[in-house]
Amino acid sequence: MSNKTKGKLGENIAKDFLVKRGFKILETNFHYSRYGEVDIIAAKNNIIYFIEVKYRTSTTYGMPFEAITKSKLEKIKACATYYLSTIKKIYANYKISAVSILNSNIDFIEDIVF
């Protein structure tokens, strides 16, 4: 299975996980120029979430959350700022979040502070 296929699979698992927890999926794979991409943009309770998805089938290259670097978080924040400037709806807050998938285990960090 290619990395692109694995990534899509992980994003689909994450979307299902989020929808079951009451999130509304607004966008997937949102690109902002050279600054990067946000895997999933979702909303719940008037809060918008910019979500990075990390999917692994083994721990050979570490745990999924370990792959989220400060540089990646800064790129997500840049994408989030741009996205928020382009939409009409005003949300009470925004959060940068992550979904980790390791085999059948799914973990969610709702608010990453860096």
C-alpha atoms as a PDB file:
ATOM      1  CA  MET A   1       0.000   0.000   0.000  1.00  0.00           C
ATOM      2  CA  SER A   2       1.426   3.401  -0.977  1.00  0.00           C
ATOM      3  CA  ASN A   3       1.906   6.206   1.551  1.00  0.00           C
ATOM      4  CA  LYS A   4      -0.776   8.238  -0.215  1.00  0.00           C
ATOM      5  CA  THR A   5      -3.254   5.356   0.093  1.00  0.00           C
ATOM      6  CA  LYS A   6      -2.349   4.889   3.778  1.00  0.00           C
ATOM      7  CA  GLY A   7      -2.845   8.597   4.353  1.00  0.00           C
ATOM      8  CA  LYS A   8      -6.312   8.534   2.772  1.00  0.00           C
ATOM      9  CA  LEU A   9      -7.233   5.475   4.833  1.00  0.00           C
ATOM     10  CA  GLY A  10      -6.091   7.203   8.027  1.00  0.00           C
ATOM     11  CA  GLU A  11      -8.042  10.353   7.172  1.00  0.00           C
ATOM     12  CA  ASN A  12     -11.206   8.336   6.501  1.00  0.00           C
ATOM     13  CA  ILE A  13     -10.849   6.523   9.835  1.00  0.00           C
ATOM     14  CA  ALA A  14     -10.303   9.875  11.573  1.00  0.00           C
ATOM     15  CA  LYS A  15     -13.349  11.447   9.875  1.00  0.00           C
ATOM     16  CA  ASP A  16     -15.570   8.556  10.989  1.00  0.00           C
ATOM     17  CA  PHE A  17     -14.158   8.847  14.525  1.00  0.00           C
ATOM     18  CA  LEU A  18     -14.857  12.591  14.642  1.00  0.00           C
ATOM     19  CA  VAL A  19     -18.358  12.393  13.133  1.00  0.00           C
ATOM     20  CA  LYS A  20     -19.333   9.761  15.725  1.00  0.00           C
ATOM     21  CA  ARG A  21     -18.277  12.266  18.404  1.00  0.00           C
ATOM     22  CA  GLY A  22     -20.461  15.049  17.029  1.00  0.00           C
ATOM     23  CA  PHE A  23     -18.019  16.929  14.825  1.00  0.00           C
ATOM     24  CA  LYS A  24     -19.118  18.370  11.496  1.00  0.00           C
ATOM     25  CA  ILE A  25     -16.469  17.952   8.802  1.00  0.00           C
ATOM     26  CA  LEU A  26     -16.002  21.248   6.953  1.00  0.00           C
ATOM     27  CA  GLU A  27     -12.976  20.536   4.755  1.00  0.00           C
ATOM     28  CA  THR A  28     -10.400  17.868   4.062  1.00  0.00           C
ATOM     29  CA  ASN A  29      -6.888  18.355   2.732  1.00  0.00           C
ATOM     30  CA  PHE A  30      -7.092  22.147   2.845  1.00  0.00           C
ATOM     31  CA  HIS A  31      -4.006  23.635   1.163  1.00  0.00           C
ATOM     32  CA  TYR A  32      -2.632  27.086   1.815  1.00  0.00           C
ATOM     33  CA  SER A  33       0.008  27.912  -0.755  1.00  0.00           C
ATOM     34  CA  ARG A  34       3.475  26.721   0.185  1.00  0.00           C
ATOM     35  CA  TYR A  35       2.652  26.950   3.879  1.00  0.00           C
ATOM     36  CA  GLY A  36       1.170  23.521   4.067  1.00  0.00           C
ATOM     37  CA  GLU A  37      -2.001  21.587   4.469  1.00  0.00           C
ATOM     38  CA  VAL A  38      -4.543  20.748   7.125  1.00  0.00           C
ATOM     39  CA  ASP A  39      -5.838  17.181   6.946  1.00  0.00           C
ATOM     40  CA  ILE A  40      -9.286  17.863   8.423  1.00  0.00           C
ATOM     41  CA  ILE A  41     -11.118  21.039   9.364  1.00  0.00           C
ATOM     42  CA  ALA A  42     -14.098  20.309  11.599  1.00  0.00           C
ATOM     43  CA  ALA A  43     -16.471  22.158  13.906  1.00  0.00           C
ATOM     44  CA  LYS A  44     -18.270  21.353  17.144  1.00  0.00           C
ATOM     45  CA  ASN A  45     -19.987  23.603  19.690  1.00  0.00           C
ATOM     46  CA  ASN A  46     -19.035  26.782  17.783  1.00  0.00           C
ATOM     47  CA  ILE A  47     -15.325  25.858  17.899  1.00  0.00           C
ATOM     48  CA  ILE A  48     -13.391  25.141  14.721  1.00  0.00           C
ATOM     49  CA  TYR A  49     -10.705  22.444  14.796  1.00  0.00           C
ATOM     50  CA  PHE A  50      -7.704  22.172  12.489  1.00  0.00           C
ATOM     51  CA  ILE A  51      -6.764  18.512  12.719  1.00  0.00           C
ATOM     52  CA  GLU A  52      -3.577  16.691  11.778  1.00  0.00           C
ATOM     53  CA  VAL A  53      -4.000  12.959  11.212  1.00  0.00           C
ATOM     54  CA  LYS A  54      -1.161  10.505  11.820  1.00  0.00           C
ATOM     55  CA  TYR A  55      -1.733   6.884  10.856  1.00  0.00           C
ATOM     56  CA  ARG A  56       0.691   4.044  11.544  1.00  0.00           C
ATOM     57  CA  THR A  57       0.465   0.284  11.229  1.00  0.00           C
ATOM     58  CA  SER A  58       3.536  -0.258  13.423  1.00  0.00           C
ATOM     59  CA  THR A  59       5.843   1.635  15.767  1.00  0.00           C
ATOM     60  CA  THR A  60       8.922   1.022  13.618  1.00  0.00           C
ATOM     61  CA  TYR A  61       9.210   4.757  12.938  1.00  0.00           C
ATOM     62  CA  GLY A  62       7.835   5.827  16.321  1.00  0.00           C
ATOM     63  CA  MET A  63       4.412   6.587  17.685  1.00  0.00           C
ATOM     64  CA  PRO A  64       2.055   8.576  15.459  1.00  0.00           C
ATOM     65  CA  PHE A  65       1.968  11.726  17.626  1.00  0.00           C
ATOM     66  CA  GLU A  66       5.784  11.821  17.628  1.00  0.00           C
ATOM     67  CA  ALA A  67       5.684  12.688  13.922  1.00  0.00           C
ATOM     68  CA  ILE A  68       4.032  16.054  14.598  1.00  0.00           C
ATOM     69  CA  THR A  69       6.837  18.581  14.807  1.00  0.00           C
ATOM     70  CA  LYS A  70       6.803  22.200  15.941  1.00  0.00           C
ATOM     71  CA  SER A  71       7.406  23.175  12.311  1.00  0.00           C
ATOM     72  CA  LYS A  72       4.331  21.201  11.236  1.00  0.00           C
ATOM     73  CA  LEU A  73       2.234  22.869  13.957  1.00  0.00           C
ATOM     74  CA  GLU A  74       3.392  26.305  12.784  1.00  0.00           C
ATOM     75  CA  LYS A  75       2.324  25.435   9.231  1.00  0.00           C
ATOM     76  CA  ILE A  76      -1.073  24.274  10.478  1.00  0.00           C
ATOM     77  CA  LYS A  77      -1.443  27.540  12.402  1.00  0.00           C
ATOM     78  CA  ALA A  78      -0.631  29.530   9.240  1.00  0.00           C
ATOM     79  CA  CYS A  79      -3.241  27.525   7.316  1.00  0.00           C
ATOM     80  CA  ALA A  80      -5.766  28.034  10.118  1.00  0.00           C
ATOM     81  CA  THR A  81      -5.219  31.792  10.165  1.00  0.00           C
ATOM     82  CA  TYR A  82      -5.674  31.981   6.415  1.00  0.00           C
ATOM     83  CA  TYR A  83      -8.773  29.739   6.445  1.00  0.00           C
ATOM     84  CA  LEU A  84     -10.411  31.796   9.187  1.00  0.00           C
ATOM     85  CA  SER A  85      -9.841  34.965   7.140  1.00  0.00           C
ATOM     86  CA  THR A  86     -11.699  33.470   4.157  1.00  0.00           C
ATOM     87  CA  ILE A  87     -14.906  32.282   5.803  1.00  0.00           C
ATOM     88  CA  LYS A  88     -17.992  34.267   6.756  1.00  0.00           C
ATOM     89  CA  LYS A  89     -18.987  32.369   9.893  1.00  0.00           C
ATOM     90  CA  ILE A  90     -17.356  33.521  13.095  1.00  0.00           C
ATOM     91  CA  TYR A  91     -16.453  30.808  15.588  1.00  0.00           C
ATOM     92  CA  ALA A  92     -16.023  31.339  19.324  1.00  0.00           C
ATOM     93  CA  ASN A  93     -12.543  29.816  19.218  1.00  0.00           C
ATOM     94  CA  TYR A  94     -10.228  27.632  17.197  1.00  0.00           C
ATOM     95  CA  LYS A  95      -8.005  24.736  18.185  1.00  0.00           C
ATOM     96  CA  ILE A  96      -5.184  22.814  16.590  1.00  0.00           C
ATOM     97  CA  SER A  97      -5.797  19.128  17.207  1.00  0.00           C
ATOM     98  CA  ALA A  98      -4.494  15.722  16.198  1.00  0.00           C
ATOM     99  CA  VAL A  99      -5.813  12.231  15.665  1.00  0.00           C
ATOM    100  CA  SER A 100      -3.405   9.338  16.134  1.00  0.00           C
ATOM    101  CA  ILE A 101      -4.245   5.960  14.634  1.00  0.00           C
ATOM    102  CA  LEU A 102      -2.110   2.942  15.440  1.00  0.00           C
ATOM    103  CA  ASN A 103      -3.718  -0.205  14.119  1.00  0.00           C
ATOM    104  CA  SER A 104      -7.170  -0.167  15.777  1.00  0.00           C
ATOM    105  CA  ASN A 105      -6.248   2.319  18.552  1.00  0.00           C
ATOM    106  CA  ILE A 106      -7.423   5.886  17.990  1.00  0.00           C
ATOM    107  CA  ASP A 107      -6.386   8.797  20.211  1.00  0.00           C
ATOM    108  CA  PHE A 108      -7.440  12.422  19.965  1.00  0.00           C
ATOM    109  CA  ILE A 109      -5.640  15.488  21.301  1.00  0.00           C
ATOM    110  CA  GLU A 110      -8.256  18.211  21.262  1.00  0.00           C
ATOM    111  CA  ASP A 111      -6.038  21.231  21.858  1.00  0.00           C
ATOM    112  CA  ILE A 112      -2.318  21.209  21.094  1.00  0.00           C
ATOM    113  CA  VAL A 113      -0.509  24.075  22.779  1.00  0.00           C
ATOM    114  CA  PHE A 114       2.964  24.851  21.483  1.00  0.00           C
END
